[in-house]
Amino acid sequence: MEVVMVDFQNISVEELMKGYQLDGLQYRCLHCDLVFCLHEVYPFHHKFLTAKGMVQVHIQQEHGTAFHALLQMDKKTSGLSEVQQEMLKLFYEGLSDKEITVESSVNNISTVRQHRFKLREKEKQAKIFLALMQLLSEPNHYKIHRGATQVDERYSIEDKEREKVLQTYFKQGLDGSIETIPSKEKRKLIILQHILQRFTIGKVYTEKEVNMILKSVHEDFVTLRRYLIEYGFMDRNTDGSSYWVKE
């Protein structure tokens, strides 16, 4: 194992919630940069764990939970004041407003409720800010919208570029799996378009069938399934029981 630097700018919200990231051939703890190699097993309490299992155990033992680890970040990183950190911790523990006035530096119930409201407002603002920064980072001709089709023409993806991206991510062959889901939009589009070839146009799939196909691509089949819908490659009915390729 080795210690490496983590760039939080390239980490998703889902990864922050888990506390670790699959980075190439290793699982990386986001809070101390400790890494566990994907193809190794690790002894733990008279048994052996996979890299994923070991990083989960490590986070629990060394950092408590992903929630508490995130909460311990400094104000410059998290943007939270000491009082907000205190309130979030107590909210997470499920304390009532009255109990919080006893356990915290805030001794007024109305002030506790005001903090709850302000944190919900902060959440809404954060979503908008994330969306703005995402749009800001994308060149105009790469912008995605729900229901986008004819991806090749719309995003000017050349054959050589597509081939290079596919070879980079599908190291075991184009019918195999990928180790990471690209974060850059153009690469993501290329991967999604290629994955779509594993589905038959005109056929209706159950969610279980879609999951099985996507599991052969990457273990995070839920994210892949969401991307296929969001980027307009597939559609589904309102209850999510049926999926099909958009024509």
C-alpha atoms as a PDB file:
ATOM      1  CA  MET A   1       0.000   0.000   0.000  1.00  0.00           C
ATOM      2  CA  GLU A   2       1.103   3.557  -0.620  1.00  0.00           C
ATOM      3  CA  VAL A   3      -0.040   7.053   0.246  1.00  0.00           C
ATOM      4  CA  VAL A   4      -1.130   9.218  -2.689  1.00  0.00           C
ATOM      5  CA  MET A   5      -2.763  12.614  -3.117  1.00  0.00           C
ATOM      6  CA  VAL A   6      -6.481  12.857  -3.847  1.00  0.00           C
ATOM      7  CA  ASP A   7      -8.027  15.552  -6.042  1.00  0.00           C
ATOM      8  CA  PHE A   8     -11.468  16.214  -4.531  1.00  0.00           C
ATOM      9  CA  GLN A   9     -12.510  18.075  -7.666  1.00  0.00           C
ATOM     10  CA  ASN A  10     -12.683  14.762  -9.524  1.00  0.00           C
ATOM     11  CA  ILE A  11     -14.643  12.890  -6.856  1.00  0.00           C
ATOM     12  CA  SER A  12     -18.400  12.369  -7.165  1.00  0.00           C
ATOM     13  CA  VAL A  13     -20.947  12.972  -4.412  1.00  0.00           C
ATOM     14  CA  GLU A  14     -21.614   9.214  -4.317  1.00  0.00           C
ATOM     15  CA  GLU A  15     -17.927   8.533  -3.687  1.00  0.00           C
ATOM     16  CA  LEU A  16     -17.792  11.149  -0.938  1.00  0.00           C
ATOM     17  CA  MET A  17     -20.755   9.433   0.726  1.00  0.00           C
ATOM     18  CA  LYS A  18     -18.950   6.074   0.638  1.00  0.00           C
ATOM     19  CA  GLY A  19     -15.629   7.563   1.723  1.00  0.00           C
ATOM     20  CA  TYR A  20     -13.587   5.769  -0.927  1.00  0.00           C
ATOM     21  CA  GLN A  21     -13.004   5.775  -4.659  1.00  0.00           C
ATOM     22  CA  LEU A  22     -12.158   3.127  -7.237  1.00  0.00           C
ATOM     23  CA  ASP A  23      -9.168   4.671  -8.989  1.00  0.00           C
ATOM     24  CA  GLY A  24      -7.789   2.440 -11.711  1.00  0.00           C
ATOM     25  CA  LEU A  25      -6.711  -0.805 -10.041  1.00  0.00           C
ATOM     26  CA  GLN A  26      -7.032   0.363  -6.457  1.00  0.00           C
ATOM     27  CA  TYR A  27      -9.602   1.469  -3.898  1.00  0.00           C
ATOM     28  CA  ARG A  28      -8.552   4.721  -2.269  1.00  0.00           C
ATOM     29  CA  CYS A  29      -9.649   6.123   1.074  1.00  0.00           C
ATOM     30  CA  LEU A  30     -10.617   9.743   0.515  1.00  0.00           C
ATOM     31  CA  HIS A  31      -9.683  10.819   4.021  1.00  0.00           C
ATOM     32  CA  CYS A  32      -6.144   9.556   4.457  1.00  0.00           C
ATOM     33  CA  ASP A  33      -5.215   8.535   0.867  1.00  0.00           C
ATOM     34  CA  LEU A  34      -4.522   4.930   1.867  1.00  0.00           C
ATOM     35  CA  VAL A  35      -4.978   2.576  -1.105  1.00  0.00           C
ATOM     36  CA  PHE A  36      -5.826  -1.123  -1.451  1.00  0.00           C
ATOM     37  CA  CYS A  37      -4.952  -2.921  -4.688  1.00  0.00           C
ATOM     38  CA  LEU A  38      -7.904  -4.387  -6.567  1.00  0.00           C
ATOM     39  CA  HIS A  39      -6.313  -7.766  -7.300  1.00  0.00           C
ATOM     40  CA  GLU A  40      -4.997  -8.394  -3.778  1.00  0.00           C
ATOM     41  CA  VAL A  41      -6.616  -9.868  -0.657  1.00  0.00           C
ATOM     42  CA  TYR A  42      -5.982  -8.604   2.855  1.00  0.00           C
ATOM     43  CA  PRO A  43      -5.914 -10.566   6.136  1.00  0.00           C
ATOM     44  CA  PHE A  44      -8.368  -9.329   8.742  1.00  0.00           C
ATOM     45  CA  HIS A  45      -9.425 -11.111  11.954  1.00  0.00           C
ATOM     46  CA  HIS A  46      -8.512 -14.612  10.773  1.00  0.00           C
ATOM     47  CA  LYS A  47     -10.118 -14.164   7.369  1.00  0.00           C
ATOM     48  CA  PHE A  48      -9.328 -12.453   4.064  1.00  0.00           C
ATOM     49  CA  LEU A  49     -11.035  -9.411   2.573  1.00  0.00           C
ATOM     50  CA  THR A  50     -11.081  -7.987  -0.922  1.00  0.00           C
ATOM     51  CA  ALA A  51      -9.704  -4.502  -1.544  1.00  0.00           C
ATOM     52  CA  LYS A  52     -13.239  -3.098  -1.444  1.00  0.00           C
ATOM     53  CA  GLY A  53     -14.039  -4.881   1.794  1.00  0.00           C
ATOM     54  CA  MET A  54     -10.766  -3.763   3.334  1.00  0.00           C
ATOM     55  CA  VAL A  55     -11.223  -0.084   2.473  1.00  0.00           C
ATOM     56  CA  GLN A  56     -14.713  -0.219   4.017  1.00  0.00           C
ATOM     57  CA  VAL A  57     -13.306  -1.757   7.207  1.00  0.00           C
ATOM     58  CA  HIS A  58     -10.492   0.805   7.230  1.00  0.00           C
ATOM     59  CA  ILE A  59     -12.928   3.719   7.031  1.00  0.00           C
ATOM     60  CA  GLN A  60     -15.019   2.303   9.860  1.00  0.00           C
ATOM     61  CA  GLN A  61     -12.002   1.683  12.100  1.00  0.00           C
ATOM     62  CA  GLU A  62      -9.990   4.819  11.354  1.00  0.00           C
ATOM     63  CA  HIS A  63     -12.632   7.409  10.487  1.00  0.00           C
ATOM     64  CA  GLY A  64     -15.829   6.146  12.166  1.00  0.00           C
ATOM     65  CA  THR A  65     -18.229   6.751   9.266  1.00  0.00           C
ATOM     66  CA  ALA A  66     -17.989   8.639   5.984  1.00  0.00           C
ATOM     67  CA  PHE A  67     -20.352  11.200   7.529  1.00  0.00           C
ATOM     68  CA  HIS A  68     -18.116  11.891  10.528  1.00  0.00           C
ATOM     69  CA  ALA A  69     -14.989  11.906   8.360  1.00  0.00           C
ATOM     70  CA  LEU A  70     -16.488  14.562   6.083  1.00  0.00           C
ATOM     71  CA  LEU A  71     -17.636  16.536   9.102  1.00  0.00           C
ATOM     72  CA  GLN A  72     -14.081  16.664  10.455  1.00  0.00           C
ATOM     73  CA  MET A  73     -12.760  18.531   7.426  1.00  0.00           C
ATOM     74  CA  ASP A  74     -11.646  22.086   8.034  1.00  0.00           C
ATOM     75  CA  LYS A  75     -13.934  25.041   7.320  1.00  0.00           C
ATOM     76  CA  LYS A  76     -12.016  25.998   4.175  1.00  0.00           C
ATOM     77  CA  THR A  77     -12.681  22.561   2.677  1.00  0.00           C
ATOM     78  CA  SER A  78     -16.252  21.947   3.860  1.00  0.00           C
ATOM     79  CA  GLY A  79     -17.537  25.520   3.992  1.00  0.00           C
ATOM     80  CA  LEU A  80     -19.213  24.748   7.330  1.00  0.00           C
ATOM     81  CA  SER A  81     -18.907  26.815  10.484  1.00  0.00           C
ATOM     82  CA  GLU A  82     -18.211  25.127  13.832  1.00  0.00           C
ATOM     83  CA  VAL A  83     -21.844  25.571  14.864  1.00  0.00           C
ATOM     84  CA  GLN A  84     -23.083  24.069  11.597  1.00  0.00           C
ATOM     85  CA  GLN A  85     -20.760  21.096  12.076  1.00  0.00           C
ATOM     86  CA  GLU A  86     -22.100  20.667  15.610  1.00  0.00           C
ATOM     87  CA  MET A  87     -25.712  20.847  14.431  1.00  0.00           C
ATOM     88  CA  LEU A  88     -25.165  18.363  11.601  1.00  0.00           C
ATOM     89  CA  LYS A  89     -23.563  15.883  13.973  1.00  0.00           C
ATOM     90  CA  LEU A  90     -26.491  16.053  16.383  1.00  0.00           C
ATOM     91  CA  PHE A  91     -29.059  15.914  13.573  1.00  0.00           C
ATOM     92  CA  TYR A  92     -27.268  12.810  12.275  1.00  0.00           C
ATOM     93  CA  GLU A  93     -27.546  11.214  15.715  1.00  0.00           C
ATOM     94  CA  GLY A  94     -31.304  11.722  15.595  1.00  0.00           C
ATOM     95  CA  LEU A  95     -31.628  14.030  18.595  1.00  0.00           C
ATOM     96  CA  SER A  96     -34.790  16.081  18.964  1.00  0.00           C
ATOM     97  CA  ASP A  97     -34.612  19.869  18.954  1.00  0.00           C
ATOM     98  CA  LYS A  98     -35.114  19.903  22.728  1.00  0.00           C
ATOM     99  CA  GLU A  99     -32.330  17.353  23.286  1.00  0.00           C
ATOM    100  CA  ILE A 100     -30.005  19.375  21.068  1.00  0.00           C
ATOM    101  CA  THR A 101     -30.449  22.453  23.282  1.00  0.00           C
ATOM    102  CA  VAL A 102     -29.098  20.344  26.168  1.00  0.00           C
ATOM    103  CA  GLU A 103     -26.234  18.692  24.270  1.00  0.00           C
ATOM    104  CA  SER A 104     -24.991  21.653  22.182  1.00  0.00           C
ATOM    105  CA  SER A 105     -23.823  25.234  22.483  1.00  0.00           C
ATOM    106  CA  VAL A 106     -27.239  26.348  21.183  1.00  0.00           C
ATOM    107  CA  ASN A 107     -29.685  26.592  24.088  1.00  0.00           C
ATOM    108  CA  ASN A 108     -32.762  27.853  22.265  1.00  0.00           C
ATOM    109  CA  ILE A 109     -35.171  25.553  20.386  1.00  0.00           C
ATOM    110  CA  SER A 110     -36.116  28.224  17.839  1.00  0.00           C
ATOM    111  CA  THR A 111     -32.412  28.720  17.019  1.00  0.00           C
ATOM    112  CA  VAL A 112     -31.993  24.964  16.481  1.00  0.00           C
ATOM    113  CA  ARG A 113     -34.967  24.989  14.108  1.00  0.00           C
ATOM    114  CA  GLN A 114     -33.491  27.966  12.319  1.00  0.00           C
ATOM    115  CA  HIS A 115     -30.266  25.992  11.792  1.00  0.00           C
ATOM    116  CA  ARG A 116     -32.279  23.101  10.330  1.00  0.00           C
ATOM    117  CA  PHE A 117     -33.929  25.482   7.885  1.00  0.00           C
ATOM    118  CA  LYS A 118     -30.660  27.183   6.913  1.00  0.00           C
ATOM    119  CA  LEU A 119     -28.956  23.832   6.268  1.00  0.00           C
ATOM    120  CA  ARG A 120     -31.808  22.751   3.981  1.00  0.00           C
ATOM    121  CA  GLU A 121     -31.460  26.051   2.132  1.00  0.00           C
ATOM    122  CA  LYS A 122     -27.713  25.465   1.884  1.00  0.00           C
ATOM    123  CA  GLU A 123     -28.430  22.054   0.324  1.00  0.00           C
ATOM    124  CA  LYS A 124     -30.646  23.614  -2.353  1.00  0.00           C
ATOM    125  CA  GLN A 125     -28.036  26.260  -3.096  1.00  0.00           C
ATOM    126  CA  ALA A 126     -25.308  23.620  -3.338  1.00  0.00           C
ATOM    127  CA  LYS A 127     -27.278  21.692  -5.969  1.00  0.00           C
ATOM    128  CA  ILE A 128     -27.687  24.789  -8.100  1.00  0.00           C
ATOM    129  CA  PHE A 129     -24.014  25.700  -7.691  1.00  0.00           C
ATOM    130  CA  LEU A 130     -22.908  22.188  -8.707  1.00  0.00           C
ATOM    131  CA  ALA A 131     -25.116  22.345 -11.795  1.00  0.00           C
ATOM    132  CA  LEU A 132     -23.696  25.744 -12.754  1.00  0.00           C
ATOM    133  CA  MET A 133     -20.087  24.583 -12.340  1.00  0.00           C
ATOM    134  CA  GLN A 134     -20.812  21.437 -14.360  1.00  0.00           C
ATOM    135  CA  LEU A 135     -22.224  23.515 -17.209  1.00  0.00           C
ATOM    136  CA  LEU A 136     -19.380  25.989 -16.935  1.00  0.00           C
ATOM    137  CA  SER A 137     -16.771  23.255 -17.344  1.00  0.00           C
ATOM    138  CA  GLU A 138     -18.307  21.841 -20.526  1.00  0.00           C
ATOM    139  CA  PRO A 139     -17.583  23.301 -23.969  1.00  0.00           C
ATOM    140  CA  ASN A 140     -20.798  24.401 -25.670  1.00  0.00           C
ATOM    141  CA  HIS A 141     -20.774  21.639 -28.281  1.00  0.00           C
ATOM    142  CA  TYR A 142     -20.526  18.972 -25.583  1.00  0.00           C
ATOM    143  CA  LYS A 143     -23.521  20.099 -23.536  1.00  0.00           C
ATOM    144  CA  ILE A 144     -25.985  17.317 -22.755  1.00  0.00           C
ATOM    145  CA  HIS A 145     -29.713  17.540 -22.366  1.00  0.00           C
ATOM    146  CA  ARG A 146     -32.375  15.020 -21.528  1.00  0.00           C
ATOM    147  CA  GLY A 147     -33.522  13.163 -24.635  1.00  0.00           C
ATOM    148  CA  ALA A 148     -30.360  13.841 -26.630  1.00  0.00           C
ATOM    149  CA  THR A 149     -30.020  11.560 -29.683  1.00  0.00           C
ATOM    150  CA  GLN A 150     -27.719  11.284 -32.690  1.00  0.00           C
ATOM    151  CA  VAL A 151     -24.769  11.606 -30.350  1.00  0.00           C
ATOM    152  CA  ASP A 152     -22.063  11.256 -33.013  1.00  0.00           C
ATOM    153  CA  GLU A 153     -23.137  14.287 -35.009  1.00  0.00           C
ATOM    154  CA  ARG A 154     -24.210  16.370 -32.047  1.00  0.00           C
ATOM    155  CA  TYR A 155     -20.934  16.004 -30.177  1.00  0.00           C
ATOM    156  CA  SER A 156     -18.538  15.708 -33.132  1.00  0.00           C
ATOM    157  CA  ILE A 157     -16.939  12.451 -31.986  1.00  0.00           C
ATOM    158  CA  GLU A 158     -14.511  11.189 -34.592  1.00  0.00           C
ATOM    159  CA  ASP A 159     -13.880   7.487 -35.190  1.00  0.00           C
ATOM    160  CA  LYS A 160     -10.230   7.674 -34.133  1.00  0.00           C
ATOM    161  CA  GLU A 161     -11.139   9.442 -30.907  1.00  0.00           C
ATOM    162  CA  ARG A 162     -13.883   6.914 -30.156  1.00  0.00           C
ATOM    163  CA  GLU A 163     -11.566   4.006 -30.814  1.00  0.00           C
ATOM    164  CA  LYS A 164      -8.871   5.437 -28.559  1.00  0.00           C
ATOM    165  CA  VAL A 165     -11.311   5.988 -25.666  1.00  0.00           C
ATOM    166  CA  LEU A 166     -12.786   2.492 -25.996  1.00  0.00           C
ATOM    167  CA  GLN A 167      -9.342   0.881 -26.025  1.00  0.00           C
ATOM    168  CA  THR A 168      -8.350   2.907 -22.949  1.00  0.00           C
ATOM    169  CA  TYR A 169     -11.372   1.870 -20.879  1.00  0.00           C
ATOM    170  CA  PHE A 170     -12.135  -1.623 -22.224  1.00  0.00           C
ATOM    171  CA  LYS A 171      -8.711  -3.090 -21.489  1.00  0.00           C
ATOM    172  CA  GLN A 172      -9.958  -6.703 -21.695  1.00  0.00           C
ATOM    173  CA  GLY A 173     -11.691  -6.209 -25.055  1.00  0.00           C
ATOM    174  CA  LEU A 174     -14.779  -4.354 -26.229  1.00  0.00           C
ATOM    175  CA  ASP A 175     -17.089  -7.094 -24.936  1.00  0.00           C
ATOM    176  CA  GLY A 176     -15.515  -6.939 -21.478  1.00  0.00           C
ATOM    177  CA  SER A 177     -15.814  -4.596 -18.538  1.00  0.00           C
ATOM    178  CA  ILE A 178     -14.381  -1.214 -17.547  1.00  0.00           C
ATOM    179  CA  GLU A 179     -12.563  -0.419 -14.309  1.00  0.00           C
ATOM    180  CA  THR A 180     -13.830   3.154 -13.964  1.00  0.00           C
ATOM    181  CA  ILE A 181     -16.720   5.190 -15.336  1.00  0.00           C
ATOM    182  CA  PRO A 182     -15.330   8.305 -17.041  1.00  0.00           C
ATOM    183  CA  SER A 183     -16.164  11.642 -15.448  1.00  0.00           C
ATOM    184  CA  LYS A 184     -15.561  13.726 -18.578  1.00  0.00           C
ATOM    185  CA  GLU A 185     -18.752  14.064 -20.609  1.00  0.00           C
ATOM    186  CA  LYS A 186     -17.356  13.248 -24.038  1.00  0.00           C
ATOM    187  CA  ARG A 187     -15.670  10.039 -22.876  1.00  0.00           C
ATOM    188  CA  LYS A 188     -18.792   9.116 -20.942  1.00  0.00           C
ATOM    189  CA  LEU A 189     -20.880   9.497 -24.098  1.00  0.00           C
ATOM    190  CA  ILE A 190     -18.565   7.229 -26.049  1.00  0.00           C
ATOM    191  CA  ILE A 191     -18.764   4.553 -23.345  1.00  0.00           C
ATOM    192  CA  LEU A 192     -22.558   4.814 -23.083  1.00  0.00           C
ATOM    193  CA  GLN A 193     -23.009   4.600 -26.839  1.00  0.00           C
ATOM    194  CA  HIS A 194     -20.853   1.477 -26.921  1.00  0.00           C
ATOM    195  CA  ILE A 195     -22.730  -0.100 -23.999  1.00  0.00           C
ATOM    196  CA  LEU A 196     -26.001   0.480 -25.846  1.00  0.00           C
ATOM    197  CA  GLN A 197     -24.891  -2.113 -28.427  1.00  0.00           C
ATOM    198  CA  ARG A 198     -25.492  -4.796 -25.781  1.00  0.00           C
ATOM    199  CA  PHE A 199     -29.220  -4.051 -25.956  1.00  0.00           C
ATOM    200  CA  THR A 200     -31.639  -4.880 -28.774  1.00  0.00           C
ATOM    201  CA  ILE A 201     -33.695  -2.082 -30.328  1.00  0.00           C
ATOM    202  CA  GLY A 202     -37.408  -2.781 -30.008  1.00  0.00           C
ATOM    203  CA  LYS A 203     -37.009  -5.178 -27.083  1.00  0.00           C
ATOM    204  CA  VAL A 204     -38.500  -4.298 -23.690  1.00  0.00           C
ATOM    205  CA  TYR A 205     -36.286  -5.183 -20.712  1.00  0.00           C
ATOM    206  CA  THR A 206     -37.095  -5.557 -17.049  1.00  0.00           C
ATOM    207  CA  GLU A 207     -34.971  -3.590 -14.578  1.00  0.00           C
ATOM    208  CA  LYS A 208     -33.354  -6.869 -13.492  1.00  0.00           C
ATOM    209  CA  GLU A 209     -32.378  -7.665 -17.109  1.00  0.00           C
ATOM    210  CA  VAL A 210     -30.909  -4.182 -17.576  1.00  0.00           C
ATOM    211  CA  ASN A 211     -28.934  -4.545 -14.345  1.00  0.00           C
ATOM    212  CA  MET A 212     -27.510  -7.911 -15.401  1.00  0.00           C
ATOM    213  CA  ILE A 213     -26.286  -6.494 -18.708  1.00  0.00           C
ATOM    214  CA  LEU A 214     -24.765  -3.427 -17.073  1.00  0.00           C
ATOM    215  CA  LYS A 215     -23.090  -5.491 -14.340  1.00  0.00           C
ATOM    216  CA  SER A 216     -20.993  -7.058 -17.093  1.00  0.00           C
ATOM    217  CA  VAL A 217     -19.686  -3.552 -17.836  1.00  0.00           C
ATOM    218  CA  HIS A 218     -19.092  -2.159 -14.332  1.00  0.00           C
ATOM    219  CA  GLU A 219     -20.088  -3.020 -10.761  1.00  0.00           C
ATOM    220  CA  ASP A 220     -21.835   0.341 -10.377  1.00  0.00           C
ATOM    221  CA  PHE A 221     -24.687  -0.669 -12.692  1.00  0.00           C
ATOM    222  CA  VAL A 222     -27.068   1.789 -10.990  1.00  0.00           C
ATOM    223  CA  THR A 223     -25.014   4.778 -12.168  1.00  0.00           C
ATOM    224  CA  LEU A 224     -24.720   3.378 -15.703  1.00  0.00           C
ATOM    225  CA  ARG A 225     -28.474   2.776 -15.815  1.00  0.00           C
ATOM    226  CA  ARG A 226     -29.147   6.333 -14.659  1.00  0.00           C
ATOM    227  CA  TYR A 227     -26.781   7.771 -17.273  1.00  0.00           C
ATOM    228  CA  LEU A 228     -28.443   5.798 -20.083  1.00  0.00           C
ATOM    229  CA  ILE A 229     -31.761   7.376 -19.096  1.00  0.00           C
ATOM    230  CA  GLU A 230     -30.484  10.889 -18.382  1.00  0.00           C
ATOM    231  CA  TYR A 231     -28.518  11.152 -21.618  1.00  0.00           C
ATOM    232  CA  GLY A 232     -31.441   9.938 -23.703  1.00  0.00           C
ATOM    233  CA  PHE A 233     -30.098   6.553 -24.803  1.00  0.00           C
ATOM    234  CA  MET A 234     -32.860   4.568 -23.082  1.00  0.00           C
ATOM    235  CA  ASP A 235     -36.336   5.217 -21.739  1.00  0.00           C
ATOM    236  CA  ARG A 236     -38.512   3.557 -19.097  1.00  0.00           C
ATOM    237  CA  ASN A 237     -42.060   3.573 -17.852  1.00  0.00           C
ATOM    238  CA  THR A 238     -43.117   5.542 -14.793  1.00  0.00           C
ATOM    239  CA  ASP A 239     -42.719   2.716 -12.267  1.00  0.00           C
ATOM    240  CA  GLY A 240     -39.318   1.653 -13.640  1.00  0.00           C
ATOM    241  CA  SER A 241     -40.439  -1.897 -14.428  1.00  0.00           C
ATOM    242  CA  SER A 242     -39.755  -1.682 -18.182  1.00  0.00           C
ATOM    243  CA  TYR A 243     -36.779  -0.281 -20.136  1.00  0.00           C
ATOM    244  CA  TRP A 244     -36.119   0.047 -23.865  1.00  0.00           C
ATOM    245  CA  VAL A 245     -33.624   1.623 -26.260  1.00  0.00           C
ATOM    246  CA  LYS A 246     -34.781   4.935 -27.736  1.00  0.00           C
ATOM    247  CA  GLU A 247     -35.054   4.836 -31.513  1.00  0.00           C
END
